[in-house]
Amino acid sequence: MGKITDALKKAAQERLSHIERKVSSLAKEFVVQRIGDSKIDPHVVAYFDPKSPISEQYKILRTNIQSLKTTNKSKVFVISSAIHNEGKTITSLNLSIALANDVNNKRVLLVDADMRKGKVAKYLNIQPEAGLSDFLTNGTAFESCVFNFGVENLDVIASGKAPLNPAELLGSYKMKELLSTIRAKYDYIILDTPPVIPLTDPQVLGAQADGVFLVVQAGRTQRGIIHHAESLLLQAEAKVLGFILTGIRYHIPEYIYRYL
């Protein structure tokens, strides 16, 4: 029995040593490039003033998303809108920062999946060498597309050069493979996409994600347009988790303001 026990222990130790070497090699392979000293757009409030009333609203949204993950382990979310200029990219940026700033040190990846008119890099005032389109079309290494702009636990992939067939690329096997890879590396993945009604991109990605949030600008977007966008997502078998209202101006009572 002693020889058998010793043999089993030796085999277990060798297997553990092999796993540790493999994990160590993966850690060395995945190094995120740092792009610093950027003049970030002031609308990215969660970066400049995490204690502001607006930042608190993104923290509330973060709490809602965390409760979703508790119930069904959702981690990949599409942020879109019905039409253009409703604030989806600013929402994606602020939400990603709020998620990354959580005390639980969750790893977050923001992907600019708007390969037609992506604005994440513009709002961060940076010029990354490669992005999502480069990974999907040119075979650019994943590590070359990921960067960090100074927020701990938050990595970003820019949209890259505008391709001729963005919808087809988002529905490709390579995109599905990418989502599978980043699911294993990150706790939360935010996909910023084009608007729903004029383009099919959000439906394509929404069907692959765990859910979609629609950004709606207060006082601008008509109810019928929102319902139409929601129906398009449902037809694509995407799960609409909720709506994020932007552009609200309201007075904060003094008794609330004292706590902010």
Protein backbone atom coordinates (compact mmCIF):
# COMPACT_ATOMS: atom_id res chain seq x y z
CA MET A 1 0.00 0.00 0.00
CA GLY A 2 2.88 2.36 0.77
CA LYS A 3 4.35 2.08 -2.73
CA ILE A 4 0.94 2.65 -4.34
CA THR A 5 0.33 5.71 -2.14
CA ASP A 6 3.76 7.13 -2.98
CA ALA A 7 3.15 6.57 -6.69
CA LEU A 8 -0.23 8.36 -6.52
CA LYS A 9 1.30 11.30 -4.64
CA LYS A 10 4.11 11.59 -7.19
CA ALA A 11 1.63 11.54 -10.10
CA ALA A 12 -0.54 14.20 -8.41
CA GLN A 13 2.51 16.43 -7.78
CA GLU A 14 3.66 16.11 -11.39
CA ARG A 15 0.13 16.99 -12.64
CA LEU A 16 -0.02 20.02 -10.32
CA SER A 17 3.42 21.15 -11.44
CA HIS A 18 2.33 20.89 -15.09
CA ILE A 19 -0.79 23.00 -14.44
CA GLU A 20 1.22 25.66 -12.58
CA ARG A 21 3.71 25.90 -15.46
CA LYS A 22 0.86 26.25 -17.95
CA VAL A 23 -0.87 29.00 -15.92
CA SER A 24 2.46 30.79 -15.50
CA SER A 25 3.11 30.74 -19.25
CA LEU A 26 -0.38 32.09 -19.98
CA ALA A 27 0.16 34.94 -17.51
CA LYS A 28 3.41 35.88 -19.26
CA GLU A 29 1.78 35.81 -22.68
CA PHE A 30 -1.06 38.19 -21.76
CA VAL A 31 0.46 41.61 -21.06
CA VAL A 32 -1.77 44.67 -21.50
CA GLN A 33 -0.13 47.74 -22.97
CA ARG A 34 -0.50 50.99 -21.03
CA ILE A 35 -1.51 54.21 -22.79
CA GLY A 36 -1.25 57.06 -20.30
CA ASP A 37 -1.26 60.84 -20.03
CA SER A 38 -4.47 61.08 -22.05
CA LYS A 39 -6.77 64.11 -22.08
CA ILE A 40 -9.98 62.22 -21.43
CA ASP A 41 -13.31 63.81 -22.34
CA PRO A 42 -14.93 65.51 -19.31
CA HIS A 43 -18.17 63.60 -19.96
CA VAL A 44 -16.42 60.52 -18.56
CA VAL A 45 -17.48 61.65 -15.08
CA ALA A 46 -16.75 58.36 -13.33
CA TYR A 47 -13.05 58.89 -14.18
CA PHE A 48 -12.76 62.49 -12.94
CA ASP A 49 -15.24 62.56 -10.07
CA PRO A 50 -16.28 59.12 -8.77
CA LYS A 51 -18.24 60.73 -5.90
CA SER A 52 -20.41 63.01 -8.04
CA PRO A 53 -24.21 62.50 -8.23
CA ILE A 54 -23.88 61.33 -11.85
CA SER A 55 -21.21 58.79 -10.93
CA GLU A 56 -23.52 57.51 -8.19
CA GLN A 57 -26.13 56.71 -10.84
CA TYR A 58 -23.61 54.52 -12.66
CA LYS A 59 -22.84 52.81 -9.36
CA ILE A 60 -26.56 52.05 -8.97
CA LEU A 61 -26.51 50.53 -12.46
CA ARG A 62 -23.40 48.56 -11.43
CA THR A 63 -25.29 47.18 -8.43
CA ASN A 64 -28.17 46.10 -10.67
CA ILE A 65 -25.76 44.32 -13.02
CA GLN A 66 -24.01 42.62 -10.11
CA SER A 67 -27.36 41.29 -8.90
CA LEU A 68 -27.97 39.88 -12.39
CA LYS A 69 -24.68 38.02 -12.26
CA THR A 70 -25.57 36.61 -8.85
CA THR A 71 -28.72 35.01 -10.24
CA ASN A 72 -27.61 33.78 -13.68
CA LYS A 73 -23.85 34.47 -13.95
CA SER A 74 -24.28 37.03 -16.74
CA LYS A 75 -21.06 38.83 -17.65
CA VAL A 76 -21.25 39.97 -21.32
CA PHE A 77 -23.49 43.00 -21.94
CA VAL A 78 -24.27 44.98 -25.08
CA ILE A 79 -24.84 48.72 -24.68
CA SER A 80 -26.79 50.16 -27.60
CA SER A 81 -29.50 52.69 -28.44
CA ALA A 82 -32.42 52.95 -30.81
CA ILE A 83 -30.93 55.81 -32.86
CA HIS A 84 -27.74 57.88 -33.03
CA ASN A 85 -26.47 60.36 -30.41
CA GLU A 86 -28.26 59.07 -27.33
CA GLY A 87 -25.11 58.75 -25.20
CA LYS A 88 -24.38 55.03 -25.47
CA THR A 89 -20.58 55.33 -25.70
CA ILE A 90 -20.32 57.73 -22.75
CA THR A 91 -22.60 55.36 -20.84
CA SER A 92 -20.37 52.40 -21.75
CA LEU A 93 -17.26 54.23 -20.57
CA ASN A 94 -18.74 55.43 -17.28
CA LEU A 95 -20.31 52.07 -16.52
CA SER A 96 -17.06 50.22 -17.27
CA ILE A 97 -15.13 52.50 -14.91
CA ALA A 98 -17.77 52.07 -12.19
CA LEU A 99 -17.54 48.28 -12.53
CA ALA A 100 -13.73 48.39 -12.41
CA ASN A 101 -13.73 50.64 -9.31
CA ASP A 102 -15.72 48.15 -7.26
CA VAL A 103 -13.91 47.02 -4.11
CA ASN A 104 -14.10 43.38 -5.22
CA ASN A 105 -11.42 44.05 -7.89
CA LYS A 106 -13.38 42.56 -10.76
CA ARG A 107 -11.61 42.58 -14.13
CA VAL A 108 -13.53 44.54 -16.77
CA LEU A 109 -13.09 44.74 -20.54
CA LEU A 110 -14.71 47.47 -22.65
CA VAL A 111 -14.90 46.60 -26.35
CA ASP A 112 -15.74 49.26 -28.93
CA ALA A 113 -17.78 47.03 -31.25
CA ASP A 114 -18.91 49.97 -33.39
CA MET A 115 -16.47 49.32 -36.22
CA ARG A 116 -18.23 51.90 -38.39
CA LYS A 117 -17.99 55.01 -36.20
CA GLY A 118 -16.40 53.90 -32.94
CA LYS A 119 -15.78 56.74 -30.46
CA VAL A 120 -14.24 55.11 -27.40
CA ALA A 121 -10.69 56.03 -28.47
CA LYS A 122 -11.85 59.56 -29.31
CA TYR A 123 -13.37 60.11 -25.85
CA LEU A 124 -10.19 58.78 -24.26
CA ASN A 125 -8.13 60.96 -26.62
CA ILE A 126 -5.83 58.13 -27.61
CA GLN A 127 -4.72 56.51 -30.85
CA PRO A 128 -4.22 52.77 -30.35
CA GLU A 129 -2.34 50.98 -33.11
CA ALA A 130 -4.87 48.13 -33.42
CA GLY A 131 -8.47 47.36 -32.53
CA LEU A 132 -11.32 44.90 -32.92
CA SER A 133 -11.48 45.09 -36.72
CA ASP A 134 -7.74 44.43 -36.98
CA PHE A 135 -8.09 41.31 -34.83
CA LEU A 136 -11.03 40.02 -36.88
CA THR A 137 -9.63 40.79 -40.35
CA ASN A 138 -5.83 40.93 -40.27
CA GLY A 139 -5.04 38.30 -37.69
CA THR A 140 -3.59 40.90 -35.30
CA ALA A 141 -2.73 39.31 -31.96
CA PHE A 142 -5.32 39.79 -29.22
CA GLU A 143 -2.69 41.20 -26.85
CA SER A 144 -1.84 43.93 -29.39
CA CYS A 145 -5.45 45.15 -29.38
CA VAL A 146 -5.89 45.47 -25.61
CA PHE A 147 -4.76 48.55 -23.69
CA ASN A 148 -5.19 50.24 -20.33
CA PHE A 149 -5.55 54.02 -19.88
CA GLY A 150 -4.87 54.23 -16.16
CA VAL A 151 -7.96 52.76 -14.50
CA GLU A 152 -7.04 49.69 -12.47
CA ASN A 153 -8.83 46.48 -13.50
CA LEU A 154 -10.18 48.05 -16.72
CA ASP A 155 -8.87 47.08 -20.17
CA VAL A 156 -10.12 48.44 -23.49
CA ILE A 157 -10.26 47.29 -27.11
CA ALA A 158 -10.84 50.10 -29.61
CA SER A 159 -12.87 49.67 -32.79
CA GLY A 160 -9.89 49.66 -35.16
CA LYS A 161 -9.92 50.62 -38.82
CA ALA A 162 -13.36 50.68 -40.45
CA PRO A 163 -13.86 47.39 -42.39
CA LEU A 164 -16.13 46.82 -45.39
CA ASN A 165 -18.24 44.15 -43.66
CA PRO A 166 -18.64 44.93 -39.93
CA ALA A 167 -21.91 43.01 -39.42
CA GLU A 168 -20.46 39.88 -41.02
CA LEU A 169 -17.33 40.14 -38.88
CA LEU A 170 -19.39 40.43 -35.69
CA GLY A 171 -21.27 37.28 -36.65
CA SER A 172 -18.15 35.36 -37.63
CA TYR A 173 -16.71 32.31 -35.94
CA LYS A 174 -13.65 34.38 -34.98
CA MET A 175 -15.85 36.82 -33.04
CA LYS A 176 -17.54 33.94 -31.23
CA GLU A 177 -14.09 32.57 -30.44
CA LEU A 178 -13.00 35.97 -29.11
CA LEU A 179 -16.04 36.20 -26.82
CA SER A 180 -15.26 32.74 -25.50
CA THR A 181 -11.66 33.78 -24.79
CA ILE A 182 -12.49 37.02 -22.98
CA ARG A 183 -15.24 35.34 -20.95
CA ALA A 184 -12.49 33.27 -19.38
CA LYS A 185 -10.24 36.28 -18.71
CA TYR A 186 -12.69 38.92 -17.42
CA ASP A 187 -15.52 39.20 -14.90
CA TYR A 188 -17.48 41.76 -16.93
CA ILE A 189 -17.39 42.57 -20.66
CA ILE A 190 -19.12 45.68 -22.02
CA LEU A 191 -19.73 45.77 -25.79
CA ASP A 192 -20.44 49.25 -27.14
CA THR A 193 -22.34 48.84 -30.43
CA PRO A 194 -23.95 51.02 -33.11
CA PRO A 195 -27.66 51.95 -32.78
CA VAL A 196 -30.28 49.26 -33.37
CA ILE A 197 -32.72 50.68 -35.91
CA PRO A 198 -30.36 51.74 -38.73
CA LEU A 199 -27.94 48.79 -38.39
CA THR A 200 -27.99 45.06 -37.68
CA ASP A 201 -24.76 44.95 -35.65
CA PRO A 202 -26.42 45.17 -32.19
CA GLN A 203 -28.78 42.30 -33.02
CA VAL A 204 -25.88 40.12 -34.16
CA LEU A 205 -23.89 40.76 -30.97
CA GLY A 206 -26.95 40.85 -28.73
CA ALA A 207 -27.74 37.25 -29.63
CA GLN A 208 -24.24 36.25 -28.47
CA ALA A 209 -24.21 38.32 -25.27
CA ASP A 210 -25.96 37.69 -21.96
CA GLY A 211 -28.15 40.74 -22.38
CA VAL A 212 -28.66 44.19 -23.92
CA PHE A 213 -29.17 47.59 -22.31
CA LEU A 214 -30.79 50.27 -24.48
CA VAL A 215 -29.71 53.86 -23.87
CA VAL A 216 -32.55 56.37 -24.26
CA GLN A 217 -32.10 60.13 -24.26
CA ALA A 218 -34.76 61.89 -22.20
CA GLY A 219 -37.03 64.26 -24.12
CA ARG A 220 -35.72 63.16 -27.51
CA THR A 221 -36.43 59.54 -28.37
CA GLN A 222 -40.07 58.73 -29.07
CA ARG A 223 -41.73 55.77 -27.39
CA GLY A 224 -42.59 54.09 -30.70
CA ILE A 225 -38.95 54.19 -31.79
CA ILE A 226 -37.87 52.55 -28.52
CA HIS A 227 -40.48 49.80 -28.90
CA HIS A 228 -39.37 49.20 -32.48
CA ALA A 229 -35.72 48.87 -31.41
CA GLU A 230 -36.71 46.46 -28.64
CA SER A 231 -38.74 44.33 -31.06
CA LEU A 232 -35.78 44.10 -33.47
CA LEU A 233 -33.55 42.83 -30.66
CA LEU A 234 -36.16 40.30 -29.54
CA GLN A 235 -36.52 39.03 -33.11
CA ALA A 236 -32.77 38.37 -33.11
CA GLU A 237 -33.23 36.41 -29.86
CA ALA A 238 -31.32 39.01 -27.85
CA LYS A 239 -32.36 39.50 -24.25
CA VAL A 240 -33.26 43.12 -23.41
CA LEU A 241 -32.37 43.62 -19.75
CA GLY A 242 -33.46 47.22 -19.37
CA PHE A 243 -33.19 50.86 -20.39
CA ILE A 244 -30.70 53.54 -19.35
CA LEU A 245 -32.09 57.08 -19.41
CA THR A 246 -29.60 59.83 -20.26
CA GLY A 247 -29.79 63.61 -20.52
CA ILE A 248 -31.85 64.08 -17.34
CA ARG A 249 -31.56 67.40 -15.54
CA TYR A 250 -33.02 67.55 -12.06
CA HIS A 251 -32.63 69.34 -8.76
CA ILE A 252 -30.95 67.37 -5.98
CA PRO A 253 -32.61 68.13 -2.61
CA GLU A 254 -30.28 69.48 0.07
CA TYR A 255 -30.90 66.55 2.42
CA ILE A 256 -29.61 64.17 -0.30
CA TYR A 257 -26.75 66.41 -1.43
CA ARG A 258 -25.25 66.46 2.10
CA TYR A 259 -24.44 62.75 1.73
CA LEU A 260 -22.78 63.04 -1.71
